[in-house]
């Protein structure tokens, strides 16, 4: 079982075409929305930077490891720019994405805002075949091979002070990562579509409750659904849980260190048979908002 990802890599890159969930997976998606929806760009109303690290299925050789960094800022009341860099490493493969985001926001009635976002950039895909032990390797499966591919994305993000919803497709272009005239099959990435929504209930002056949901769809794979429920205590402490449909249950915790600095942690316990062979997944994030003073209030709650 500990060689499962090396075996999978051989299948992915040399045997048949695969259609599955291929983009990065996050448990704390409510804090990392710009990664998969460019419409979120600038919605916090201040310069905001975030770093996230995720190590999945600890104990399995070659299990996924994800690093993500994003920075965003409004330029004025209507325009915003952002940058997102994400790196996924699975077994002998590494995929690094660089995307520049732009969002245009329309002010609705009251505090309602509708943001339209687009993104553009590229991915660098790398396979290190020296990490694989193959008895009869294909002549093309030698050394370290890389592939550069451009991509574009789009998204709509609607939000007010205490709720949000959005739809997006962060990678619209299909990319063939492995293709040769003598090989009848390929490994390719396909467009992923996301839907997200959340609401903040003010239970009392010291306690807020936010349920949220994220859905992911890609042709050829089952619909993926993540639901979460978190409590914010005294605008400082966050605690809650999440469930990934037919995949995992999670515990989440966070702390608002200062008015502009937030840290968070999530632990996933696998509910599939694979859970017998790993000790879970860990995810950490650090977010910094450039606020001007201790009394500055962000445009949206710190909960998203």
C-alpha atoms as a PDB file:
ATOM      1  CA  UNK A   1       0.000   0.000   0.000  1.00  0.00           C
ATOM      2  CA  UNK A   2       2.856   2.409   0.672  1.00  0.00           C
ATOM      3  CA  UNK A   3       3.765   2.300  -3.014  1.00  0.00           C
ATOM      4  CA  UNK A   4       0.246   3.159  -4.113  1.00  0.00           C
ATOM      5  CA  UNK A   5       1.121   6.580  -5.493  1.00  0.00           C
ATOM      6  CA  UNK A   6       4.125   5.377  -7.469  1.00  0.00           C
ATOM      7  CA  UNK A   7       1.966   2.693  -9.050  1.00  0.00           C
ATOM      8  CA  UNK A   8      -0.763   5.245  -9.728  1.00  0.00           C
ATOM      9  CA  UNK A   9       1.736   7.572 -11.364  1.00  0.00           C
ATOM     10  CA  UNK A  10       2.753   4.866 -13.837  1.00  0.00           C
ATOM     11  CA  UNK A  11      -0.883   4.288 -14.713  1.00  0.00           C
ATOM     12  CA  UNK A  12      -1.593   7.996 -15.074  1.00  0.00           C
ATOM     13  CA  UNK A  13       1.272   8.789 -17.378  1.00  0.00           C
ATOM     14  CA  UNK A  14       1.695   5.687 -19.488  1.00  0.00           C
ATOM     15  CA  UNK A  15      -1.380   3.536 -19.701  1.00  0.00           C
ATOM     16  CA  UNK A  16      -4.733   5.247 -20.110  1.00  0.00           C
ATOM     17  CA  UNK A  17      -6.593   8.546 -20.099  1.00  0.00           C
ATOM     18  CA  UNK A  18      -7.773   9.597 -16.656  1.00  0.00           C
ATOM     19  CA  UNK A  19     -10.691  11.839 -15.720  1.00  0.00           C
ATOM     20  CA  UNK A  20     -10.722  12.676 -12.012  1.00  0.00           C
ATOM     21  CA  UNK A  21     -10.481  15.459  -9.453  1.00  0.00           C
ATOM     22  CA  UNK A  22      -7.047  16.852 -10.376  1.00  0.00           C
ATOM     23  CA  UNK A  23      -6.879  20.307  -8.767  1.00  0.00           C
ATOM     24  CA  UNK A  24      -5.665  21.076  -5.251  1.00  0.00           C
ATOM     25  CA  UNK A  25      -7.883  20.021  -2.358  1.00  0.00           C
ATOM     26  CA  UNK A  26      -8.405  22.281   0.667  1.00  0.00           C
ATOM     27  CA  UNK A  27     -10.349  21.759   3.880  1.00  0.00           C
ATOM     28  CA  UNK A  28     -10.199  25.456   4.847  1.00  0.00           C
ATOM     29  CA  UNK A  29     -11.562  26.556   1.466  1.00  0.00           C
ATOM     30  CA  UNK A  30     -13.606  29.366   3.042  1.00  0.00           C
ATOM     31  CA  UNK A  31     -10.368  31.275   3.731  1.00  0.00           C
ATOM     32  CA  UNK A  32      -8.685  30.383   0.439  1.00  0.00           C
ATOM     33  CA  UNK A  33     -11.421  31.272  -2.046  1.00  0.00           C
ATOM     34  CA  UNK A  34      -9.321  33.266  -4.522  1.00  0.00           C
ATOM     35  CA  UNK A  35      -7.409  30.080  -5.392  1.00  0.00           C
ATOM     36  CA  UNK A  36     -10.429  28.708  -7.264  1.00  0.00           C
ATOM     37  CA  UNK A  37     -12.586  31.812  -7.838  1.00  0.00           C
ATOM     38  CA  UNK A  38     -10.925  34.950  -9.290  1.00  0.00           C
ATOM     39  CA  UNK A  39     -14.116  36.903  -8.524  1.00  0.00           C
ATOM     40  CA  UNK A  40     -13.099  36.821  -4.831  1.00  0.00           C
ATOM     41  CA  UNK A  41     -10.068  39.010  -5.621  1.00  0.00           C
ATOM     42  CA  UNK A  42     -10.070  42.203  -3.557  1.00  0.00           C
ATOM     43  CA  UNK A  43     -13.264  41.363  -1.685  1.00  0.00           C
ATOM     44  CA  UNK A  44     -11.615  41.763   1.735  1.00  0.00           C
ATOM     45  CA  UNK A  45     -11.192  45.462   1.019  1.00  0.00           C
ATOM     46  CA  UNK A  46      -7.518  45.584   2.063  1.00  0.00           C
ATOM     47  CA  UNK A  47      -4.180  44.212   0.919  1.00  0.00           C
ATOM     48  CA  UNK A  48      -4.336  40.566   1.988  1.00  0.00           C
ATOM     49  CA  UNK A  49      -1.718  37.804   1.771  1.00  0.00           C
ATOM     50  CA  UNK A  50      -2.144  34.147   2.626  1.00  0.00           C
ATOM     51  CA  UNK A  51       0.100  31.096   2.815  1.00  0.00           C
ATOM     52  CA  UNK A  52      -1.172  27.521   3.150  1.00  0.00           C
ATOM     53  CA  UNK A  53       0.515  24.145   3.500  1.00  0.00           C
ATOM     54  CA  UNK A  54      -1.259  20.781   3.301  1.00  0.00           C
ATOM     55  CA  UNK A  55       0.184  17.302   3.746  1.00  0.00           C
ATOM     56  CA  UNK A  56      -2.318  14.616   2.865  1.00  0.00           C
ATOM     57  CA  UNK A  57      -2.527  10.945   3.893  1.00  0.00           C
ATOM     58  CA  UNK A  58       0.499  11.090   6.191  1.00  0.00           C
ATOM     59  CA  UNK A  59       2.375   7.780   6.223  1.00  0.00           C
ATOM     60  CA  UNK A  60       1.917   6.914   2.541  1.00  0.00           C
ATOM     61  CA  UNK A  61       4.998   7.303   0.344  1.00  0.00           C
ATOM     62  CA  UNK A  62       4.365   9.813  -2.412  1.00  0.00           C
ATOM     63  CA  UNK A  63       1.172  11.174  -0.839  1.00  0.00           C
ATOM     64  CA  UNK A  64       0.042  14.661  -1.973  1.00  0.00           C
ATOM     65  CA  UNK A  65       1.687  17.762  -0.531  1.00  0.00           C
ATOM     66  CA  UNK A  66       0.318  21.195  -1.422  1.00  0.00           C
ATOM     67  CA  UNK A  67       1.775  24.671  -0.931  1.00  0.00           C
ATOM     68  CA  UNK A  68      -0.191  27.778  -1.815  1.00  0.00           C
ATOM     69  CA  UNK A  69       0.555  31.499  -1.656  1.00  0.00           C
ATOM     70  CA  UNK A  70      -1.792  34.281  -2.683  1.00  0.00           C
ATOM     71  CA  UNK A  71      -1.835  38.059  -2.430  1.00  0.00           C
ATOM     72  CA  UNK A  72      -4.652  40.410  -3.426  1.00  0.00           C
ATOM     73  CA  UNK A  73      -5.635  44.024  -3.117  1.00  0.00           C
ATOM     74  CA  UNK A  74      -8.373  46.395  -4.298  1.00  0.00           C
ATOM     75  CA  UNK A  75      -7.131  49.158  -6.596  1.00  0.00           C
ATOM     76  CA  UNK A  76     -10.246  51.284  -6.051  1.00  0.00           C
ATOM     77  CA  UNK A  77     -13.940  50.695  -5.373  1.00  0.00           C
ATOM     78  CA  UNK A  78     -14.391  48.641  -8.569  1.00  0.00           C
ATOM     79  CA  UNK A  79     -11.075  47.063  -9.580  1.00  0.00           C
ATOM     80  CA  UNK A  80      -8.779  44.582  -7.866  1.00  0.00           C
ATOM     81  CA  UNK A  81      -5.698  42.517  -8.686  1.00  0.00           C
ATOM     82  CA  UNK A  82      -4.304  39.325  -7.229  1.00  0.00           C
ATOM     83  CA  UNK A  83      -1.609  36.684  -7.660  1.00  0.00           C
ATOM     84  CA  UNK A  84      -1.923  33.006  -6.792  1.00  0.00           C
ATOM     85  CA  UNK A  85       0.886  30.425  -6.784  1.00  0.00           C
ATOM     86  CA  UNK A  86       0.062  26.785  -6.010  1.00  0.00           C
ATOM     87  CA  UNK A  87       2.353  23.766  -6.026  1.00  0.00           C
ATOM     88  CA  UNK A  88       1.171  20.148  -5.825  1.00  0.00           C
ATOM     89  CA  UNK A  89       3.601  17.260  -5.387  1.00  0.00           C
ATOM     90  CA  UNK A  90       2.330  13.682  -5.753  1.00  0.00           C
ATOM     91  CA  UNK A  91       4.877  10.876  -5.952  1.00  0.00           C
ATOM     92  CA  UNK A  92       7.269  11.616  -8.809  1.00  0.00           C
ATOM     93  CA  UNK A  93       5.122  14.478 -10.163  1.00  0.00           C
ATOM     94  CA  UNK A  94       5.041  18.185  -9.360  1.00  0.00           C
ATOM     95  CA  UNK A  95       2.613  20.718 -10.782  1.00  0.00           C
ATOM     96  CA  UNK A  96       3.136  24.449 -10.148  1.00  0.00           C
ATOM     97  CA  UNK A  97       0.539  27.018 -11.187  1.00  0.00           C
ATOM     98  CA  UNK A  98       1.044  30.786 -11.487  1.00  0.00           C
ATOM     99  CA  UNK A  99      -2.157  32.781 -12.030  1.00  0.00           C
ATOM    100  CA  UNK A 100      -2.788  36.549 -12.120  1.00  0.00           C
ATOM    101  CA  UNK A 101      -6.347  37.548 -11.183  1.00  0.00           C
ATOM    102  CA  UNK A 102      -8.434  40.595 -12.013  1.00  0.00           C
ATOM    103  CA  UNK A 103     -11.886  41.355 -10.596  1.00  0.00           C
ATOM    104  CA  UNK A 104     -14.423  44.059 -11.381  1.00  0.00           C
ATOM    105  CA  UNK A 105     -17.034  44.768  -8.696  1.00  0.00           C
ATOM    106  CA  UNK A 106     -20.496  46.237  -9.109  1.00  0.00           C
ATOM    107  CA  UNK A 107     -22.201  47.772  -6.075  1.00  0.00           C
ATOM    108  CA  UNK A 108     -25.753  46.484  -5.567  1.00  0.00           C
ATOM    109  CA  UNK A 109     -28.395  47.595  -3.106  1.00  0.00           C
ATOM    110  CA  UNK A 110     -27.318  48.013   0.501  1.00  0.00           C
ATOM    111  CA  UNK A 111     -24.000  46.254   1.112  1.00  0.00           C
ATOM    112  CA  UNK A 112     -24.475  43.746  -1.730  1.00  0.00           C
ATOM    113  CA  UNK A 113     -21.569  43.440  -4.174  1.00  0.00           C
ATOM    114  CA  UNK A 114     -21.215  41.393  -7.357  1.00  0.00           C
ATOM    115  CA  UNK A 115     -17.674  40.700  -8.573  1.00  0.00           C
ATOM    116  CA  UNK A 116     -16.686  39.331 -11.966  1.00  0.00           C
ATOM    117  CA  UNK A 117     -13.215  37.831 -12.120  1.00  0.00           C
ATOM    118  CA  UNK A 118     -10.861  36.512 -14.758  1.00  0.00           C
ATOM    119  CA  UNK A 119      -7.439  34.923 -14.397  1.00  0.00           C
ATOM    120  CA  UNK A 120      -4.578  34.007 -16.677  1.00  0.00           C
ATOM    121  CA  UNK A 121      -1.263  32.291 -16.233  1.00  0.00           C
ATOM    122  CA  UNK A 122       0.544  29.031 -16.739  1.00  0.00           C
ATOM    123  CA  UNK A 123       1.378  25.687 -15.177  1.00  0.00           C
ATOM    124  CA  UNK A 124       4.712  23.901 -15.094  1.00  0.00           C
ATOM    125  CA  UNK A 125       4.250  20.135 -14.895  1.00  0.00           C
ATOM    126  CA  UNK A 126       7.232  17.945 -13.964  1.00  0.00           C
ATOM    127  CA  UNK A 127       7.709  14.179 -13.822  1.00  0.00           C
ATOM    128  CA  UNK A 128      10.846  12.686 -12.254  1.00  0.00           C
ATOM    129  CA  UNK A 129      11.019   9.151 -13.641  1.00  0.00           C
ATOM    130  CA  UNK A 130      14.215   8.477 -11.676  1.00  0.00           C
ATOM    131  CA  UNK A 131      11.994   8.078  -8.585  1.00  0.00           C
ATOM    132  CA  UNK A 132      10.171   5.132 -10.151  1.00  0.00           C
ATOM    133  CA  UNK A 133      11.354   1.545 -10.197  1.00  0.00           C
ATOM    134  CA  UNK A 134      10.218   0.135 -13.555  1.00  0.00           C
ATOM    135  CA  UNK A 135      11.200  -3.265 -14.900  1.00  0.00           C
ATOM    136  CA  UNK A 136      10.469  -2.411 -18.524  1.00  0.00           C
ATOM    137  CA  UNK A 137      10.253   1.376 -18.778  1.00  0.00           C
ATOM    138  CA  UNK A 138       8.965   3.068 -21.900  1.00  0.00           C
ATOM    139  CA  UNK A 139      11.719   4.830 -23.869  1.00  0.00           C
ATOM    140  CA  UNK A 140       9.981   8.150 -23.168  1.00  0.00           C
ATOM    141  CA  UNK A 141       9.899   7.579 -19.407  1.00  0.00           C
ATOM    142  CA  UNK A 142      13.449   8.586 -18.547  1.00  0.00           C
ATOM    143  CA  UNK A 143      15.041  11.379 -16.526  1.00  0.00           C
ATOM    144  CA  UNK A 144      13.086  14.466 -15.528  1.00  0.00           C
ATOM    145  CA  UNK A 145      10.527  15.764 -18.005  1.00  0.00           C
ATOM    146  CA  UNK A 146       8.672  19.070 -17.816  1.00  0.00           C
ATOM    147  CA  UNK A 147       5.790  20.630 -19.684  1.00  0.00           C
ATOM    148  CA  UNK A 148       4.731  24.280 -19.773  1.00  0.00           C
ATOM    149  CA  UNK A 149       1.058  25.076 -20.480  1.00  0.00           C
ATOM    150  CA  UNK A 150      -0.996  28.317 -20.374  1.00  0.00           C
ATOM    151  CA  UNK A 151      -4.444  28.523 -18.821  1.00  0.00           C
ATOM    152  CA  UNK A 152      -7.290  30.929 -18.123  1.00  0.00           C
ATOM    153  CA  UNK A 153     -10.110  31.005 -15.579  1.00  0.00           C
ATOM    154  CA  UNK A 154     -13.255  32.931 -14.674  1.00  0.00           C
ATOM    155  CA  UNK A 155     -15.614  33.334 -11.738  1.00  0.00           C
ATOM    156  CA  UNK A 156     -18.501  35.286 -10.237  1.00  0.00           C
ATOM    157  CA  UNK A 157     -18.547  36.115  -6.522  1.00  0.00           C
ATOM    158  CA  UNK A 158     -21.602  37.688  -4.855  1.00  0.00           C
ATOM    159  CA  UNK A 159     -21.320  38.809  -1.250  1.00  0.00           C
ATOM    160  CA  UNK A 160     -22.580  41.075   1.481  1.00  0.00           C
ATOM    161  CA  UNK A 161     -21.420  41.583   5.052  1.00  0.00           C
ATOM    162  CA  UNK A 162     -22.733  38.224   6.306  1.00  0.00           C
ATOM    163  CA  UNK A 163     -23.151  35.903   3.297  1.00  0.00           C
ATOM    164  CA  UNK A 164     -21.496  34.954   0.034  1.00  0.00           C
ATOM    165  CA  UNK A 165     -21.976  32.704  -3.001  1.00  0.00           C
ATOM    166  CA  UNK A 166     -19.948  32.055  -6.115  1.00  0.00           C
ATOM    167  CA  UNK A 167     -19.421  29.923  -9.193  1.00  0.00           C
ATOM    168  CA  UNK A 168     -16.125  29.531 -11.021  1.00  0.00           C
ATOM    169  CA  UNK A 169     -13.879  27.572 -13.343  1.00  0.00           C
ATOM    170  CA  UNK A 170     -10.239  28.362 -12.467  1.00  0.00           C
ATOM    171  CA  UNK A 171      -8.754  26.330 -15.366  1.00  0.00           C
ATOM    172  CA  UNK A 172     -10.800  26.395 -18.545  1.00  0.00           C
ATOM    173  CA  UNK A 173      -8.250  24.956 -20.973  1.00  0.00           C
ATOM    174  CA  UNK A 174      -7.726  21.224 -21.308  1.00  0.00           C
ATOM    175  CA  UNK A 175      -4.043  20.259 -21.184  1.00  0.00           C
ATOM    176  CA  UNK A 176      -2.459  17.028 -22.404  1.00  0.00           C
ATOM    177  CA  UNK A 177       0.486  16.344 -20.094  1.00  0.00           C
ATOM    178  CA  UNK A 178       1.649  13.213 -21.869  1.00  0.00           C
ATOM    179  CA  UNK A 179       1.090  12.449 -25.518  1.00  0.00           C
ATOM    180  CA  UNK A 180       2.991  10.593 -28.213  1.00  0.00           C
ATOM    181  CA  UNK A 181       1.988   9.398 -31.619  1.00  0.00           C
ATOM    182  CA  UNK A 182       2.861   5.801 -30.785  1.00  0.00           C
ATOM    183  CA  UNK A 183       0.914   5.817 -27.517  1.00  0.00           C
ATOM    184  CA  UNK A 184      -2.831   5.371 -27.838  1.00  0.00           C
ATOM    185  CA  UNK A 185      -3.633   7.020 -24.527  1.00  0.00           C
ATOM    186  CA  UNK A 186      -2.760  10.225 -22.641  1.00  0.00           C
ATOM    187  CA  UNK A 187      -2.984  11.878 -19.234  1.00  0.00           C
ATOM    188  CA  UNK A 188      -4.861  15.172 -19.408  1.00  0.00           C
ATOM    189  CA  UNK A 189      -6.296  17.783 -17.073  1.00  0.00           C
ATOM    190  CA  UNK A 190      -9.855  18.971 -17.584  1.00  0.00           C
ATOM    191  CA  UNK A 191     -11.909  21.980 -16.546  1.00  0.00           C
ATOM    192  CA  UNK A 192     -13.106  21.907 -12.932  1.00  0.00           C
ATOM    193  CA  UNK A 193     -16.232  23.817 -11.927  1.00  0.00           C
ATOM    194  CA  UNK A 194     -16.821  25.095  -8.391  1.00  0.00           C
ATOM    195  CA  UNK A 195     -19.796  26.366  -6.450  1.00  0.00           C
ATOM    196  CA  UNK A 196     -19.411  27.912  -3.003  1.00  0.00           C
ATOM    197  CA  UNK A 197     -21.754  29.493  -0.470  1.00  0.00           C
ATOM    198  CA  UNK A 198     -21.730  30.490   3.182  1.00  0.00           C
ATOM    199  CA  UNK A 199     -23.655  32.503   5.755  1.00  0.00           C
ATOM    200  CA  UNK A 200     -22.728  34.104   9.076  1.00  0.00           C
ATOM    201  CA  UNK A 201     -25.362  34.004  11.836  1.00  0.00           C
ATOM    202  CA  UNK A 202     -24.891  36.455  14.709  1.00  0.00           C
ATOM    203  CA  UNK A 203     -26.098  34.306  17.618  1.00  0.00           C
ATOM    204  CA  UNK A 204     -25.150  36.931  20.205  1.00  0.00           C
ATOM    205  CA  UNK A 205     -22.513  39.694  20.537  1.00  0.00           C
ATOM    206  CA  UNK A 206     -19.830  37.115  21.368  1.00  0.00           C
ATOM    207  CA  UNK A 207     -20.729  34.174  19.152  1.00  0.00           C
ATOM    208  CA  UNK A 208     -21.128  33.751  15.397  1.00  0.00           C
ATOM    209  CA  UNK A 209     -22.013  30.621  13.466  1.00  0.00           C
ATOM    210  CA  UNK A 210     -21.172  29.984   9.822  1.00  0.00           C
ATOM    211  CA  UNK A 211     -22.217  26.992   7.752  1.00  0.00           C
ATOM    212  CA  UNK A 212     -20.574  26.737   4.327  1.00  0.00           C
ATOM    213  CA  UNK A 213     -20.563  24.403   1.342  1.00  0.00           C
ATOM    214  CA  UNK A 214     -18.209  23.811  -1.582  1.00  0.00           C
ATOM    215  CA  UNK A 215     -19.074  21.661  -4.600  1.00  0.00           C
ATOM    216  CA  UNK A 216     -16.631  20.538  -7.291  1.00  0.00           C
ATOM    217  CA  UNK A 217     -17.479  19.026 -10.652  1.00  0.00           C
ATOM    218  CA  UNK A 218     -15.312  17.661 -13.464  1.00  0.00           C
ATOM    219  CA  UNK A 219     -16.418  15.527 -16.371  1.00  0.00           C
ATOM    220  CA  UNK A 220     -15.832  11.834 -15.737  1.00  0.00           C
ATOM    221  CA  UNK A 221     -15.633  12.057 -11.938  1.00  0.00           C
ATOM    222  CA  UNK A 222     -18.285  12.000  -9.187  1.00  0.00           C
ATOM    223  CA  UNK A 223     -19.567  15.284  -7.810  1.00  0.00           C
ATOM    224  CA  UNK A 224     -17.477  16.277  -4.769  1.00  0.00           C
ATOM    225  CA  UNK A 225     -19.216  18.050  -1.878  1.00  0.00           C
ATOM    226  CA  UNK A 226     -17.630  19.630   1.208  1.00  0.00           C
ATOM    227  CA  UNK A 227     -19.795  20.986   4.044  1.00  0.00           C
ATOM    228  CA  UNK A 228     -18.542  22.771   7.145  1.00  0.00           C
ATOM    229  CA  UNK A 229     -19.851  24.437  10.280  1.00  0.00           C
ATOM    230  CA  UNK A 230     -17.711  26.805  12.344  1.00  0.00           C
ATOM    231  CA  UNK A 231     -18.174  28.994  15.406  1.00  0.00           C
ATOM    232  CA  UNK A 232     -16.371  32.301  15.920  1.00  0.00           C
ATOM    233  CA  UNK A 233     -16.012  33.136  19.623  1.00  0.00           C
ATOM    234  CA  UNK A 234     -15.435  36.731  20.724  1.00  0.00           C
ATOM    235  CA  UNK A 235     -14.049  37.571  17.252  1.00  0.00           C
ATOM    236  CA  UNK A 236     -10.888  35.661  18.220  1.00  0.00           C
ATOM    237  CA  UNK A 237     -11.279  31.882  18.304  1.00  0.00           C
ATOM    238  CA  UNK A 238     -12.666  29.672  15.558  1.00  0.00           C
ATOM    239  CA  UNK A 239     -13.644  26.046  16.061  1.00  0.00           C
ATOM    240  CA  UNK A 240     -15.731  23.672  13.992  1.00  0.00           C
ATOM    241  CA  UNK A 241     -15.948  20.620  11.795  1.00  0.00           C
ATOM    242  CA  UNK A 242     -16.346  19.576   8.177  1.00  0.00           C
ATOM    243  CA  UNK A 243     -17.389  16.596   6.114  1.00  0.00           C
ATOM    244  CA  UNK A 244     -16.176  15.669   2.640  1.00  0.00           C
ATOM    245  CA  UNK A 245     -18.822  13.449   1.082  1.00  0.00           C
ATOM    246  CA  UNK A 246     -17.773   9.783   1.159  1.00  0.00           C
ATOM    247  CA  UNK A 247     -14.162  10.796   1.845  1.00  0.00           C
ATOM    248  CA  UNK A 248     -13.267  12.420   5.170  1.00  0.00           C
ATOM    249  CA  UNK A 249     -14.354  14.156   8.358  1.00  0.00           C
ATOM    250  CA  UNK A 250     -12.371  17.138   9.645  1.00  0.00           C
ATOM    251  CA  UNK A 251     -11.773  19.291  12.685  1.00  0.00           C
ATOM    252  CA  UNK A 252     -10.924  22.991  12.239  1.00  0.00           C
ATOM    253  CA  UNK A 253      -9.496  25.604  14.588  1.00  0.00           C
ATOM    254  CA  UNK A 254      -8.228  29.150  14.187  1.00  0.00           C
ATOM    255  CA  UNK A 255      -7.035  32.159  16.133  1.00  0.00           C
ATOM    256  CA  UNK A 256      -7.046  35.875  15.338  1.00  0.00           C
ATOM    257  CA  UNK A 257      -3.606  36.794  16.694  1.00  0.00           C
ATOM    258  CA  UNK A 258      -3.928  40.515  15.927  1.00  0.00           C
ATOM    259  CA  UNK A 259      -6.384  42.652  14.007  1.00  0.00           C
ATOM    260  CA  UNK A 260      -4.571  41.770  10.795  1.00  0.00           C
ATOM    261  CA  UNK A 261      -3.050  38.331  11.481  1.00  0.00           C
ATOM    262  CA  UNK A 262      -4.933  35.028  11.516  1.00  0.00           C
ATOM    263  CA  UNK A 263      -3.712  31.433  11.803  1.00  0.00           C
ATOM    264  CA  UNK A 264      -5.651  28.225  11.216  1.00  0.00           C
ATOM    265  CA  UNK A 265      -5.317  24.452  11.320  1.00  0.00           C
ATOM    266  CA  UNK A 266      -7.399  21.529  10.048  1.00  0.00           C
ATOM    267  CA  UNK A 267      -7.089  17.780  10.509  1.00  0.00           C
ATOM    268  CA  UNK A 268      -8.767  15.294   8.146  1.00  0.00           C
ATOM    269  CA  UNK A 269      -9.600  11.712   9.042  1.00  0.00           C
ATOM    270  CA  UNK A 270     -10.126   9.499   6.011  1.00  0.00           C
ATOM    271  CA  UNK A 271     -13.426   7.578   6.052  1.00  0.00           C
ATOM    272  CA  UNK A 272     -12.610   5.340   3.071  1.00  0.00           C
ATOM    273  CA  UNK A 273     -10.643   2.076   3.170  1.00  0.00           C
ATOM    274  CA  UNK A 274      -7.514   4.122   2.495  1.00  0.00           C
ATOM    275  CA  UNK A 275      -7.829   5.453   6.059  1.00  0.00           C
ATOM    276  CA  UNK A 276      -6.432   2.160   7.363  1.00  0.00           C
ATOM    277  CA  UNK A 277      -3.072   2.921   5.745  1.00  0.00           C
ATOM    278  CA  UNK A 278      -2.439   6.548   6.732  1.00  0.00           C
ATOM    279  CA  UNK A 279      -2.664   8.755   9.817  1.00  0.00           C
ATOM    280  CA  UNK A 280      -4.763  11.537   8.331  1.00  0.00           C
ATOM    281  CA  UNK A 281      -4.094  14.892   6.680  1.00  0.00           C
ATOM    282  CA  UNK A 282      -2.865  18.178   8.164  1.00  0.00           C
ATOM    283  CA  UNK A 283      -3.466  21.677   6.828  1.00  0.00           C
ATOM    284  CA  UNK A 284      -2.080  24.982   8.133  1.00  0.00           C
ATOM    285  CA  UNK A 285      -2.648  28.547   6.972  1.00  0.00           C
ATOM    286  CA  UNK A 286      -1.447  32.030   7.876  1.00  0.00           C
ATOM    287  CA  UNK A 287      -3.289  35.127   6.618  1.00  0.00           C
ATOM    288  CA  UNK A 288      -2.185  38.739   6.929  1.00  0.00           C
ATOM    289  CA  UNK A 289      -4.443  41.731   6.239  1.00  0.00           C
ATOM    290  CA  UNK A 290      -2.830  45.156   6.032  1.00  0.00           C
ATOM    291  CA  UNK A 291      -5.186  47.136   8.269  1.00  0.00           C
ATOM    292  CA  UNK A 292      -4.347  50.685   9.342  1.00  0.00           C
ATOM    293  CA  UNK A 293      -5.293  50.468  12.985  1.00  0.00           C
ATOM    294  CA  UNK A 294      -6.617  48.282  15.762  1.00  0.00           C
ATOM    295  CA  UNK A 295     -10.154  49.616  15.233  1.00  0.00           C
ATOM    296  CA  UNK A 296     -10.222  49.106  11.477  1.00  0.00           C
ATOM    297  CA  UNK A 297     -13.019  46.754  10.415  1.00  0.00           C
ATOM    298  CA  UNK A 298     -12.660  44.688   7.283  1.00  0.00           C
ATOM    299  CA  UNK A 299     -15.334  45.040   4.616  1.00  0.00           C
ATOM    300  CA  UNK A 300     -16.371  41.413   5.182  1.00  0.00           C
ATOM    301  CA  UNK A 301     -16.196  39.463   8.455  1.00  0.00           C
ATOM    302  CA  UNK A 302     -12.986  37.651   9.301  1.00  0.00           C
ATOM    303  CA  UNK A 303     -14.978  34.457   8.863  1.00  0.00           C
ATOM    304  CA  UNK A 304     -14.435  34.436   5.081  1.00  0.00           C
END
